[in-house]
Amino acid sequence: MTDSRRRLRADAQRNHDRLLVEADAAFREQGTNASLEGIARRAGVAIGTLYAHFPTRRALIGALLRQRNDTVLDRGEELLAHPSAAVALTEWVHSVIEHAAAYQGLAAMLAEGVDDQASELHQSCVQMTDIGDRLIAKAREAGALRQDATGTDIFALMNAAAWISEQMSQEQADRLVDLTMGGLLTATT
């Protein structure tokens, strides 16, 4: 079997799992630019083993984010059924920011992944954008979002807040979101 879902030998599966654990730790400590050689060393494998499992940094990050992406996407689908369009959109914004701020540098990689169809992050970014667009449309239709507010405004807010969360604090990012969403949402919500 040649596809990526093939069953790995037990030792290869252990290496794969160890690489993911050590990459997660390294990215949390040092950001997405952490040394791949350092990650391989931490996992007790050669750099060639890391590249055999994850040919690029984005492939490694994509593998780490797979479960988290599914959780965020599931949350977005749930929010589409929320009775308050304003609450749903605000909760979505906070969910995406928390997701994008998991590792320093991740927000920028995700922003790049939207336009880079070759990126391992592209499909999940497209799905997140689609849910965001649907939540924005729902809020606009409900009269909960200013008519001059655009999806680009909301996505710029999410990227800015994720960056602030990485550079300053989650509290400052939350404050930015609350202030900005307060200005984007109509007073009748």
Protein backbone atom coordinates (compact mmCIF):
# COMPACT_ATOMS: atom_id res chain seq x y z
CA MET A 1 0.00 0.00 0.00
CA THR A 2 1.55 3.33 -0.99
CA ASP A 3 -0.85 5.92 0.41
CA SER A 4 -0.14 7.87 3.58
CA ARG A 5 -2.64 5.82 5.60
CA ARG A 6 -0.68 2.58 5.29
CA ARG A 7 0.03 0.68 8.44
CA LEU A 8 3.51 1.43 9.78
CA ARG A 9 5.74 -1.21 11.28
CA ALA A 10 5.70 -1.09 15.07
CA ASP A 11 9.15 0.55 15.32
CA ALA A 12 8.28 3.06 12.60
CA GLN A 13 5.02 3.88 14.38
CA ARG A 14 6.91 4.43 17.65
CA ASN A 15 9.35 6.77 15.86
CA HIS A 16 6.44 8.63 14.24
CA ASP A 17 4.65 9.04 17.57
CA ARG A 18 7.85 10.09 19.41
CA LEU A 19 8.60 12.66 16.71
CA LEU A 20 5.14 14.17 17.13
CA VAL A 21 5.49 14.35 20.92
CA GLU A 22 8.92 15.95 20.73
CA ALA A 23 7.91 18.33 17.92
CA ASP A 24 4.93 19.49 19.96
CA ALA A 25 7.19 20.14 22.96
CA ALA A 26 9.83 21.90 20.86
CA PHE A 27 7.29 24.08 19.02
CA ARG A 28 5.62 25.06 22.30
CA GLU A 29 9.01 26.01 23.78
CA GLN A 30 10.70 27.56 20.74
CA GLY A 31 7.99 28.26 18.16
CA THR A 32 7.52 26.86 14.67
CA ASN A 33 11.12 27.65 13.73
CA ALA A 34 12.50 25.14 16.25
CA SER A 35 15.37 23.10 14.86
CA LEU A 36 14.19 19.95 13.09
CA GLU A 37 17.54 18.35 13.90
CA GLY A 38 16.92 19.18 17.56
CA ILE A 39 13.48 17.56 17.36
CA ALA A 40 14.97 14.41 15.82
CA ARG A 41 17.64 14.33 18.54
CA ARG A 42 15.02 14.74 21.27
CA ALA A 43 13.07 11.84 19.75
CA GLY A 44 16.20 9.69 19.63
CA VAL A 45 16.19 9.30 15.84
CA ALA A 46 18.31 10.52 12.94
CA ILE A 47 17.21 13.54 10.93
CA GLY A 48 16.61 11.21 7.97
CA THR A 49 13.97 9.39 10.01
CA LEU A 50 12.21 12.68 10.70
CA TYR A 51 12.24 13.53 6.98
CA ALA A 52 11.04 10.03 6.08
CA HIS A 53 7.92 10.63 8.17
CA PHE A 54 7.56 14.37 7.58
CA PRO A 55 9.27 15.63 4.40
CA THR A 56 8.77 19.31 5.31
CA ARG A 57 8.29 21.46 8.40
CA ARG A 58 4.73 22.14 7.26
CA ALA A 59 4.07 18.39 6.96
CA LEU A 60 5.19 17.97 10.57
CA ILE A 61 3.08 20.89 11.76
CA GLY A 62 0.14 19.65 9.68
CA ALA A 63 0.36 16.25 11.37
CA LEU A 64 0.46 17.92 14.80
CA LEU A 65 -2.54 20.07 13.99
CA ARG A 66 -4.72 17.37 12.42
CA GLN A 67 -6.67 16.56 15.58
CA ARG A 68 -6.77 20.20 16.70
CA ASN A 69 -8.04 21.23 13.25
CA ASP A 70 -10.85 18.68 13.46
CA THR A 71 -11.82 20.00 16.90
CA VAL A 72 -11.92 23.62 15.68
CA LEU A 73 -13.83 22.69 12.53
CA ASP A 74 -16.36 20.67 14.55
CA ARG A 75 -16.81 23.65 16.87
CA GLY A 76 -17.42 25.91 13.87
CA GLU A 77 -20.11 23.57 12.54
CA GLU A 78 -21.78 23.60 15.97
CA LEU A 79 -21.67 27.40 16.05
CA LEU A 80 -23.49 27.60 12.72
CA ALA A 81 -26.57 26.28 14.56
CA HIS A 82 -26.19 28.70 17.50
CA PRO A 83 -29.31 30.86 17.99
CA SER A 84 -27.30 34.08 18.34
CA ALA A 85 -25.33 34.96 15.23
CA ALA A 86 -23.28 37.53 17.16
CA VAL A 87 -22.33 35.06 19.89
CA ALA A 88 -21.54 32.37 17.32
CA LEU A 89 -19.24 34.66 15.33
CA THR A 90 -17.49 35.94 18.45
CA GLU A 91 -16.95 32.42 19.79
CA TRP A 92 -15.60 31.33 16.39
CA VAL A 93 -13.12 34.21 16.38
CA HIS A 94 -11.88 33.21 19.85
CA SER A 95 -11.64 29.52 18.86
CA VAL A 96 -9.56 30.24 15.77
CA ILE A 97 -7.27 32.60 17.66
CA GLU A 98 -6.64 30.02 20.38
CA HIS A 99 -5.92 27.43 17.69
CA ALA A 100 -3.58 29.71 15.73
CA ALA A 101 -1.64 30.74 18.83
CA ALA A 102 -0.69 27.20 19.88
CA TYR A 103 2.89 27.75 18.73
CA GLN A 104 4.74 31.00 18.16
CA GLY A 105 4.85 31.52 14.40
CA LEU A 106 1.87 29.29 13.67
CA ALA A 107 -0.52 32.17 12.91
CA ALA A 108 1.74 33.31 10.07
CA MET A 109 2.03 29.77 8.70
CA LEU A 110 -1.75 29.36 8.75
CA ALA A 111 -2.23 32.71 7.02
CA GLU A 112 0.20 31.59 4.30
CA GLY A 113 -1.56 28.23 4.03
CA VAL A 114 -4.79 29.81 2.83
CA ASP A 115 -3.24 30.87 -0.48
CA ASP A 116 -0.66 28.09 -0.88
CA GLN A 117 -2.44 25.11 -2.41
CA ALA A 118 0.72 22.99 -2.08
CA SER A 119 0.81 23.54 1.69
CA GLU A 120 -0.16 20.70 3.99
CA LEU A 121 -2.09 23.34 5.92
CA HIS A 122 -4.11 24.56 2.92
CA GLN A 123 -7.19 22.31 3.17
CA SER A 124 -7.81 23.00 6.85
CA CYS A 125 -7.29 26.74 6.26
CA VAL A 126 -9.83 26.66 3.42
CA GLN A 127 -12.31 24.82 5.65
CA MET A 128 -11.82 27.33 8.48
CA THR A 129 -12.27 30.21 6.04
CA ASP A 130 -15.47 28.63 4.72
CA ILE A 131 -16.95 28.28 8.21
CA GLY A 132 -15.90 31.84 9.03
CA ASP A 133 -17.52 33.13 5.85
CA ARG A 134 -20.75 31.29 6.66
CA LEU A 135 -20.80 32.66 10.23
CA ILE A 136 -20.15 36.17 8.91
CA ALA A 137 -22.99 35.82 6.38
CA LYS A 138 -25.31 34.54 9.13
CA ALA A 139 -24.41 37.49 11.37
CA ARG A 140 -24.91 39.96 8.53
CA GLU A 141 -28.30 38.43 7.59
CA ALA A 142 -29.40 38.60 11.24
CA GLY A 143 -28.45 42.27 11.36
CA ALA A 144 -25.84 41.45 14.02
CA LEU A 145 -22.83 42.59 12.01
CA ARG A 146 -22.24 46.02 10.55
CA GLN A 147 -22.93 45.96 6.82
CA ASP A 148 -19.55 47.53 6.01
CA ALA A 149 -17.65 44.83 7.95
CA THR A 150 -16.03 42.25 5.71
CA GLY A 151 -14.69 38.75 6.09
CA THR A 152 -11.26 40.23 5.49
CA ASP A 153 -11.76 42.44 8.56
CA ILE A 154 -12.63 39.44 10.72
CA PHE A 155 -9.71 37.35 9.41
CA ALA A 156 -7.31 40.26 9.91
CA LEU A 157 -8.56 40.55 13.50
CA MET A 158 -7.98 36.84 14.10
CA ASN A 159 -4.44 36.98 12.70
CA ALA A 160 -3.60 40.12 14.65
CA ALA A 161 -4.97 38.69 17.89
CA ALA A 162 -3.12 35.39 17.41
CA TRP A 163 0.10 37.36 16.85
CA ILE A 164 -0.56 39.48 19.96
CA SER A 165 -1.23 36.32 21.94
CA GLU A 166 2.17 34.98 20.83
CA GLN A 167 4.06 38.23 21.45
CA MET A 168 2.32 39.77 24.45
CA SER A 169 -0.38 37.84 26.26
CA GLN A 170 -3.64 36.01 25.77
CA GLU A 171 -5.31 38.65 27.93
CA GLN A 172 -4.24 41.44 25.57
CA ALA A 173 -5.40 39.41 22.56
CA ASP A 174 -8.79 38.82 24.20
CA ARG A 175 -9.08 42.54 24.94
CA LEU A 176 -8.36 43.40 21.30
CA VAL A 177 -11.00 40.93 20.14
CA ASP A 178 -13.61 42.19 22.61
CA LEU A 179 -13.01 45.83 21.66
CA THR A 180 -13.00 45.15 17.93
CA MET A 181 -15.99 42.82 17.94
CA GLY A 182 -17.82 45.41 20.03
CA GLY A 183 -17.30 47.85 17.18
CA LEU A 184 -18.17 45.37 14.42
CA LEU A 185 -21.33 44.00 15.97
CA THR A 186 -24.45 46.12 15.91
CA ALA A 187 -25.88 47.57 19.08
CA THR A 188 -29.09 45.54 18.69
CA THR A 189 -27.37 42.20 19.39
